[in-house]
């Protein structure tokens, strides 16, 4: 839904949150403590970012003893990818038409010579 996409793109708009998502994509799981150390964030700062990612459905958190372990919900990223793919074809066609127009103008300016 539109609300889901808004939350996903808003969550991914922040560099620290994108870094957490990238780390999770590489490692599979990451403790909140590991994420805060890698990003040089305070416990309150990392908690804020993790909460935004959780609300967007991009990350889940589970307790493993005293550790809070994060996991990526990659299917949520597919919603963003699907939205982008829907418009990629349009953008590609537009760029192709622009390139064709530029060639036509160049040919006209050169009197049809290459």
N, C-alpha and C. Protein backbone atom coordinates (compact mmCIF):
# COMPACT_ATOMS: atom_id res chain seq x y z
N UNK A 1 0.84 -1.19 0.00
CA UNK A 1 0.00 0.00 0.00
C UNK A 1 0.88 1.24 0.00
N UNK A 2 0.26 2.38 -0.23
CA UNK A 2 1.00 3.64 -0.28
C UNK A 2 1.63 3.96 1.08
N UNK A 3 0.92 3.65 2.15
CA UNK A 3 1.46 3.92 3.49
C UNK A 3 2.70 3.06 3.73
N UNK A 4 2.66 1.80 3.32
CA UNK A 4 3.83 0.93 3.47
C UNK A 4 5.02 1.49 2.72
N UNK A 5 4.79 1.91 1.47
CA UNK A 5 5.89 2.47 0.67
C UNK A 5 6.44 3.74 1.30
N UNK A 6 5.55 4.57 1.81
CA UNK A 6 6.00 5.81 2.47
C UNK A 6 6.93 5.47 3.64
N UNK A 7 6.53 4.51 4.45
CA UNK A 7 7.35 4.13 5.61
C UNK A 7 8.68 3.54 5.19
N UNK A 8 8.65 2.70 4.15
CA UNK A 8 9.89 2.07 3.68
C UNK A 8 10.86 3.12 3.15
N UNK A 9 10.38 3.99 2.26
CA UNK A 9 11.26 5.01 1.69
C UNK A 9 11.72 6.01 2.74
N UNK A 10 10.85 6.35 3.70
CA UNK A 10 11.26 7.25 4.78
C UNK A 10 12.35 6.59 5.62
N UNK A 11 12.20 5.31 5.91
CA UNK A 11 13.21 4.61 6.70
C UNK A 11 14.54 4.55 5.95
N UNK A 12 14.49 4.34 4.65
CA UNK A 12 15.71 4.22 3.86
C UNK A 12 16.33 5.58 3.51
N UNK A 13 15.63 6.66 3.83
CA UNK A 13 16.14 7.99 3.51
C UNK A 13 17.30 8.41 4.41
N UNK A 14 17.51 7.69 5.50
CA UNK A 14 18.57 8.04 6.44
C UNK A 14 19.79 7.14 6.23
N UNK A 15 20.97 7.74 6.19
CA UNK A 15 22.22 7.02 5.95
C UNK A 15 22.49 5.94 7.01
N UNK A 16 22.25 6.24 8.26
CA UNK A 16 22.49 5.25 9.32
C UNK A 16 21.58 4.05 9.18
N UNK A 17 20.32 4.29 8.84
CA UNK A 17 19.39 3.17 8.66
C UNK A 17 19.74 2.36 7.43
N UNK A 18 20.16 3.03 6.36
CA UNK A 18 20.60 2.28 5.17
C UNK A 18 21.81 1.42 5.51
N UNK A 19 22.69 1.94 6.34
CA UNK A 19 23.86 1.18 6.76
C UNK A 19 23.45 -0.07 7.55
N UNK A 20 22.48 0.07 8.43
CA UNK A 20 21.99 -1.09 9.19
C UNK A 20 21.41 -2.12 8.24
N UNK A 21 20.60 -1.68 7.28
CA UNK A 21 20.00 -2.60 6.30
C UNK A 21 21.09 -3.29 5.49
N UNK A 22 22.11 -2.54 5.06
CA UNK A 22 23.20 -3.13 4.28
C UNK A 22 23.96 -4.17 5.11
N UNK A 23 24.23 -3.85 6.37
CA UNK A 23 24.93 -4.81 7.23
C UNK A 23 24.11 -6.08 7.41
N UNK A 24 22.81 -5.92 7.59
CA UNK A 24 21.95 -7.09 7.75
C UNK A 24 21.88 -7.90 6.47
N UNK A 25 21.89 -7.23 5.33
CA UNK A 25 21.86 -7.95 4.05
C UNK A 25 23.13 -8.79 3.88
N UNK A 26 24.26 -8.29 4.37
CA UNK A 26 25.52 -9.01 4.27
C UNK A 26 25.65 -10.12 5.30
N UNK A 27 25.23 -9.84 6.53
CA UNK A 27 25.49 -10.75 7.64
C UNK A 27 24.32 -11.63 8.03
N UNK A 28 23.12 -11.23 7.70
CA UNK A 28 21.94 -12.01 8.08
C UNK A 28 21.36 -11.54 9.40
N UNK A 29 22.18 -11.44 10.42
CA UNK A 29 21.74 -10.95 11.73
C UNK A 29 22.80 -10.05 12.31
N UNK A 30 22.36 -9.19 13.22
CA UNK A 30 23.26 -8.23 13.83
C UNK A 30 22.64 -7.82 15.16
N UNK A 31 23.45 -7.78 16.19
CA UNK A 31 22.92 -7.30 17.47
C UNK A 31 22.83 -5.79 17.42
N UNK A 32 21.94 -5.24 18.22
CA UNK A 32 21.80 -3.80 18.30
C UNK A 32 23.13 -3.18 18.76
N UNK A 33 23.81 -3.84 19.67
CA UNK A 33 25.10 -3.36 20.14
C UNK A 33 26.14 -3.31 19.03
N UNK A 34 26.18 -4.35 18.19
CA UNK A 34 27.12 -4.36 17.06
C UNK A 34 26.80 -3.23 16.08
N UNK A 35 25.53 -3.02 15.84
CA UNK A 35 25.11 -1.96 14.92
C UNK A 35 25.51 -0.59 15.46
N UNK A 36 25.34 -0.39 16.77
CA UNK A 36 25.67 0.92 17.35
C UNK A 36 27.17 1.16 17.31
N UNK A 37 27.97 0.12 17.53
CA UNK A 37 29.43 0.26 17.50
C UNK A 37 29.90 0.59 16.09
N UNK A 38 29.37 -0.10 15.11
CA UNK A 38 29.79 0.13 13.72
C UNK A 38 29.41 1.52 13.24
N UNK A 39 28.32 2.07 13.78
CA UNK A 39 27.85 3.38 13.34
C UNK A 39 28.25 4.50 14.29
N UNK A 40 28.92 4.15 15.38
CA UNK A 40 29.31 5.14 16.38
C UNK A 40 28.11 5.95 16.86
N UNK A 41 27.04 5.23 17.22
CA UNK A 41 25.83 5.86 17.72
C UNK A 41 25.65 5.51 19.19
N UNK A 42 25.00 6.39 19.90
CA UNK A 42 24.66 6.13 21.30
C UNK A 42 23.56 5.06 21.34
N UNK A 43 23.38 4.42 22.49
CA UNK A 43 22.28 3.46 22.61
C UNK A 43 20.92 4.09 22.26
N UNK A 44 20.69 5.32 22.68
CA UNK A 44 19.43 5.99 22.36
C UNK A 44 19.31 6.24 20.85
N UNK A 45 20.42 6.61 20.23
CA UNK A 45 20.42 6.87 18.79
C UNK A 45 20.12 5.62 17.98
N UNK A 46 20.78 4.53 18.31
CA UNK A 46 20.54 3.29 17.56
C UNK A 46 19.13 2.79 17.80
N UNK A 47 18.62 2.94 19.02
CA UNK A 47 17.25 2.51 19.33
C UNK A 47 16.25 3.26 18.47
N UNK A 48 16.47 4.56 18.30
CA UNK A 48 15.58 5.38 17.46
C UNK A 48 15.58 4.86 16.02
N UNK A 49 16.76 4.59 15.48
CA UNK A 49 16.85 4.11 14.10
C UNK A 49 16.24 2.72 13.93
N UNK A 50 16.50 1.85 14.88
CA UNK A 50 15.94 0.50 14.80
C UNK A 50 14.41 0.56 14.86
N UNK A 51 13.88 1.42 15.69
CA UNK A 51 12.42 1.55 15.81
C UNK A 51 11.81 1.98 14.48
N UNK A 52 12.43 2.92 13.79
CA UNK A 52 11.93 3.37 12.48
C UNK A 52 11.96 2.20 11.49
N UNK A 53 13.04 1.44 11.49
CA UNK A 53 13.15 0.28 10.59
C UNK A 53 12.10 -0.78 10.92
N UNK A 54 11.86 -0.98 12.22
CA UNK A 54 10.83 -1.94 12.64
C UNK A 54 9.44 -1.47 12.20
N UNK A 55 9.15 -0.19 12.39
CA UNK A 55 7.84 0.34 12.00
C UNK A 55 7.61 0.24 10.50
N UNK A 56 8.68 0.31 9.72
CA UNK A 56 8.58 0.15 8.26
C UNK A 56 8.50 -1.32 7.87
N UNK A 57 8.71 -2.21 8.84
CA UNK A 57 8.66 -3.64 8.56
C UNK A 57 9.93 -4.17 7.91
N UNK A 58 10.99 -3.37 7.90
CA UNK A 58 12.24 -3.78 7.26
C UNK A 58 13.11 -4.64 8.16
N UNK A 59 12.89 -4.52 9.47
CA UNK A 59 13.73 -5.21 10.45
C UNK A 59 12.84 -5.81 11.53
N UNK A 60 13.21 -6.99 11.98
CA UNK A 60 12.58 -7.56 13.17
C UNK A 60 13.66 -7.70 14.24
N UNK A 61 13.19 -7.67 15.48
CA UNK A 61 14.11 -7.77 16.61
C UNK A 61 13.65 -8.92 17.48
N UNK A 62 14.61 -9.73 17.93
CA UNK A 62 14.30 -10.81 18.87
C UNK A 62 15.32 -10.78 19.98
N UNK A 63 14.91 -11.29 21.12
CA UNK A 63 15.81 -11.38 22.26
C UNK A 63 16.54 -12.71 22.25
N UNK A 64 17.85 -12.65 22.44
CA UNK A 64 18.69 -13.83 22.58
C UNK A 64 19.44 -13.64 23.89
N UNK A 65 18.84 -14.10 24.98
CA UNK A 65 19.38 -13.78 26.30
C UNK A 65 19.16 -12.31 26.55
N UNK A 66 20.24 -11.58 26.75
CA UNK A 66 20.15 -10.13 26.97
C UNK A 66 20.38 -9.34 25.69
N UNK A 67 20.78 -10.03 24.63
CA UNK A 67 21.07 -9.35 23.35
C UNK A 67 19.79 -9.16 22.53
N UNK A 68 19.69 -8.02 21.92
CA UNK A 68 18.62 -7.75 20.96
C UNK A 68 19.21 -7.99 19.58
N UNK A 69 18.69 -8.99 18.88
CA UNK A 69 19.24 -9.38 17.58
C UNK A 69 18.29 -8.92 16.47
N UNK A 70 18.86 -8.27 15.48
CA UNK A 70 18.10 -7.75 14.35
C UNK A 70 18.21 -8.68 13.16
N UNK A 71 17.11 -8.78 12.41
CA UNK A 71 17.09 -9.55 11.17
C UNK A 71 16.40 -8.69 10.11
N UNK A 72 16.86 -8.82 8.88
CA UNK A 72 16.29 -8.07 7.76
C UNK A 72 15.07 -8.79 7.23
N UNK A 73 14.02 -8.05 6.97
CA UNK A 73 12.82 -8.57 6.31
C UNK A 73 12.90 -8.16 4.84
N UNK A 74 13.65 -8.94 4.07
CA UNK A 74 13.97 -8.54 2.70
C UNK A 74 12.74 -8.49 1.80
N UNK A 75 11.68 -9.22 2.14
CA UNK A 75 10.48 -9.15 1.31
C UNK A 75 9.87 -7.75 1.31
N UNK A 76 10.10 -6.99 2.38
CA UNK A 76 9.61 -5.61 2.44
C UNK A 76 10.38 -4.73 1.45
N UNK A 77 11.65 -5.05 1.25
CA UNK A 77 12.43 -4.29 0.27
C UNK A 77 11.90 -4.54 -1.14
N UNK A 78 11.29 -5.70 -1.34
CA UNK A 78 10.72 -6.00 -2.66
C UNK A 78 9.58 -5.05 -3.01
N UNK A 79 8.87 -4.56 -2.02
CA UNK A 79 7.81 -3.57 -2.29
C UNK A 79 8.41 -2.33 -2.93
N UNK A 80 9.52 -1.86 -2.39
CA UNK A 80 10.19 -0.69 -2.96
C UNK A 80 10.74 -1.01 -4.35
N UNK A 81 11.33 -2.19 -4.48
CA UNK A 81 11.88 -2.58 -5.77
C UNK A 81 10.78 -2.67 -6.83
N UNK A 82 9.64 -3.24 -6.46
CA UNK A 82 8.52 -3.34 -7.41
C UNK A 82 8.05 -1.96 -7.86
N UNK A 83 7.98 -1.01 -6.92
CA UNK A 83 7.55 0.34 -7.25
C UNK A 83 8.54 0.97 -8.22
N UNK A 84 9.83 0.84 -7.93
CA UNK A 84 10.87 1.40 -8.80
C UNK A 84 10.83 0.74 -10.17
N UNK A 85 10.67 -0.59 -10.22
CA UNK A 85 10.64 -1.30 -11.49
C UNK A 85 9.47 -0.86 -12.36
N UNK A 86 8.35 -0.54 -11.72
CA UNK A 86 7.17 -0.11 -12.46
C UNK A 86 7.48 1.14 -13.28
N UNK A 87 8.33 2.00 -12.77
CA UNK A 87 8.66 3.25 -13.45
C UNK A 87 9.96 3.19 -14.23
N UNK A 88 10.76 2.18 -13.98
CA UNK A 88 12.05 2.05 -14.68
C UNK A 88 11.85 1.98 -16.19
N UNK A 89 10.87 1.21 -16.65
CA UNK A 89 10.63 1.08 -18.09
C UNK A 89 10.25 2.43 -18.69
N UNK A 90 9.43 3.19 -17.98
CA UNK A 90 9.04 4.52 -18.46
C UNK A 90 10.26 5.43 -18.55
N UNK A 91 11.09 5.42 -17.51
CA UNK A 91 12.28 6.26 -17.51
C UNK A 91 13.23 5.86 -18.63
N UNK A 92 13.39 4.55 -18.85
CA UNK A 92 14.28 4.05 -19.90
C UNK A 92 13.76 4.49 -21.27
N UNK A 93 12.45 4.37 -21.50
CA UNK A 93 11.87 4.81 -22.78
C UNK A 93 12.09 6.31 -22.96
N UNK A 94 11.88 7.08 -21.92
CA UNK A 94 12.06 8.53 -22.01
C UNK A 94 13.50 8.88 -22.35
N UNK A 95 14.44 8.22 -21.72
CA UNK A 95 15.86 8.47 -21.99
C UNK A 95 16.19 8.06 -23.43
N UNK A 96 15.61 6.94 -23.88
CA UNK A 96 15.83 6.50 -25.25
C UNK A 96 15.29 7.50 -26.26
N UNK A 97 14.10 8.04 -26.00
CA UNK A 97 13.52 9.05 -26.90
C UNK A 97 14.38 10.32 -26.91
N UNK A 98 14.89 10.70 -25.75
CA UNK A 98 15.75 11.88 -25.66
C UNK A 98 17.03 11.67 -26.47
N UNK A 99 17.60 10.47 -26.39
CA UNK A 99 18.81 10.17 -27.16
C UNK A 99 18.52 10.20 -28.65
N UNK A 100 17.36 9.64 -29.06
CA UNK A 100 16.96 9.68 -30.47
C UNK A 100 16.81 11.12 -30.95
N UNK A 101 16.18 11.95 -30.14
CA UNK A 101 15.98 13.35 -30.49
C UNK A 101 17.32 14.08 -30.62
N UNK A 102 18.23 13.80 -29.71
CA UNK A 102 19.56 14.43 -29.77
C UNK A 102 20.27 14.03 -31.06
N UNK A 103 20.16 12.76 -31.47
CA UNK A 103 20.78 12.31 -32.73
C UNK A 103 20.14 13.01 -33.93
N UNK A 104 18.81 13.15 -33.90
CA UNK A 104 18.11 13.83 -35.00
C UNK A 104 18.57 15.28 -35.12
N UNK A 105 18.69 15.96 -34.00
CA UNK A 105 19.14 17.35 -34.00
C UNK A 105 20.56 17.44 -34.52
N UNK A 106 21.41 16.55 -34.06
CA UNK A 106 22.81 16.54 -34.51
C UNK A 106 22.88 16.30 -36.02
N UNK A 107 22.09 15.33 -36.52
CA UNK A 107 22.08 15.05 -37.95
C UNK A 107 21.58 16.26 -38.75
N UNK A 108 20.54 16.90 -38.23
CA UNK A 108 19.99 18.07 -38.93
C UNK A 108 21.00 19.21 -38.97
N UNK A 109 21.71 19.41 -37.86
CA UNK A 109 22.73 20.46 -37.82
C UNK A 109 23.91 20.16 -38.72
N UNK A 110 24.19 18.89 -38.96
CA UNK A 110 25.31 18.49 -39.82
C UNK A 110 24.84 18.27 -41.25
N UNK A 111 23.62 18.66 -41.56
CA UNK A 111 23.10 18.48 -42.91
C UNK A 111 22.90 17.02 -43.27
N UNK A 112 22.63 16.20 -42.28
CA UNK A 112 22.39 14.79 -42.53
C UNK A 112 23.66 13.98 -42.60
N UNK A 113 24.84 14.64 -42.44
CA UNK A 113 26.13 13.91 -42.46
C UNK A 113 26.45 13.44 -41.06
N UNK A 114 27.22 12.41 -40.96
CA UNK A 114 27.70 11.89 -39.65
C UNK A 114 29.10 12.28 -39.41
